[in-house]
Protein backbone atom coordinates (compact mmCIF):
# COMPACT_ATOMS: atom_id res chain seq x y z
CA MET A 1 40.52 -40.51 -216.32
CA THR A 2 37.37 -39.53 -218.23
CA HIS A 3 37.12 -38.25 -221.76
CA LEU A 4 34.73 -35.64 -223.10
CA PRO A 5 33.64 -35.18 -226.70
CA ALA A 6 36.41 -34.41 -229.12
CA PRO A 7 36.12 -31.14 -231.06
CA ASP A 8 34.87 -33.11 -234.05
CA GLY A 9 31.68 -33.92 -232.11
CA ALA A 10 32.50 -37.47 -231.04
CA ALA A 11 30.10 -38.65 -228.36
CA SER A 12 30.97 -38.74 -224.66
CA PRO A 13 30.68 -42.23 -223.16
CA GLU A 14 29.81 -40.67 -219.78
CA LEU A 15 26.98 -38.68 -221.32
CA ASP A 16 25.70 -41.66 -223.29
CA ALA A 17 25.66 -43.82 -220.13
CA LEU A 18 23.85 -41.07 -218.21
CA LEU A 19 21.24 -40.67 -220.96
CA ASP A 20 20.68 -44.43 -221.18
CA ASP A 21 20.05 -44.52 -217.44
CA LEU A 22 17.91 -41.36 -217.35
CA TYR A 23 15.63 -42.28 -220.21
CA ALA A 24 15.04 -45.95 -219.36
CA GLY A 25 11.23 -46.06 -219.48
CA GLN A 26 10.95 -42.26 -219.74
CA GLU A 27 10.14 -40.09 -222.73
CA ARG A 28 10.99 -36.72 -221.19
CA VAL A 29 13.10 -35.70 -218.20
CA THR A 30 13.43 -32.28 -216.56
CA GLN A 31 16.66 -30.31 -216.60
CA SER A 32 16.77 -30.46 -212.81
CA GLU A 33 16.48 -34.27 -212.84
CA ILE A 34 19.22 -34.51 -215.48
CA GLN A 35 21.45 -32.30 -213.33
CA ARG A 36 20.66 -34.21 -210.13
CA ARG A 37 21.45 -37.57 -211.73
CA ALA A 38 24.61 -36.21 -213.34
CA VAL A 39 25.88 -35.07 -209.93
CA ALA A 40 25.02 -38.48 -208.44
CA ALA A 41 26.82 -40.21 -211.34
CA ASP A 42 29.92 -38.06 -210.74
CA VAL A 43 30.19 -36.98 -214.38
CA PRO A 44 33.18 -34.84 -215.42
CA ALA A 45 33.00 -31.19 -214.38
CA GLU A 46 32.89 -29.91 -217.97
CA LEU A 47 29.87 -32.09 -218.76
CA LEU A 48 28.12 -31.05 -215.53
CA THR A 49 28.70 -27.41 -216.46
CA ARG A 50 27.01 -27.97 -219.83
CA ILE A 51 24.09 -29.78 -218.17
CA THR A 52 23.70 -26.98 -215.63
CA ALA A 53 23.58 -24.45 -218.49
CA LEU A 54 20.54 -26.13 -220.08
CA PRO A 55 17.41 -23.98 -219.78
CA GLU A 56 14.80 -25.26 -217.34
CA GLY A 57 12.19 -27.51 -218.88
CA GLU A 58 11.64 -31.06 -220.06
CA TYR A 59 13.79 -32.75 -222.67
CA ALA A 60 13.54 -35.87 -224.80
CA ALA A 61 16.71 -37.97 -225.02
CA ASP A 62 17.50 -36.84 -228.56
CA GLU A 63 17.15 -33.17 -227.57
CA VAL A 64 19.62 -33.53 -224.71
CA ALA A 65 22.00 -35.55 -226.88
CA ASP A 66 21.92 -32.84 -229.56
CA LEU A 67 22.50 -30.07 -227.03
CA LEU A 68 25.26 -31.83 -225.09
CA GLY A 69 27.03 -33.84 -227.77
CA GLY A 70 25.92 -37.37 -226.97
CA THR A 71 24.04 -39.95 -228.95
CA ALA A 72 20.44 -40.87 -228.21
CA GLY A 73 20.19 -44.62 -228.01
């Protein structure tokens, strides 16, 4: 079973792992690439819904972490 961020804003391990993988050697990644990789990584449905709701464009790791509740590492 997977766990999503607690209401107090605790980070999601699934999101953190996805961001670590996405941003290895990259400064910015498009919303569509984030969504594609999230689907491939089989992230929880609630997290995928939040990723899908991101506006189109490019994001730095810290921007995505702020918007989705993860931590930029």
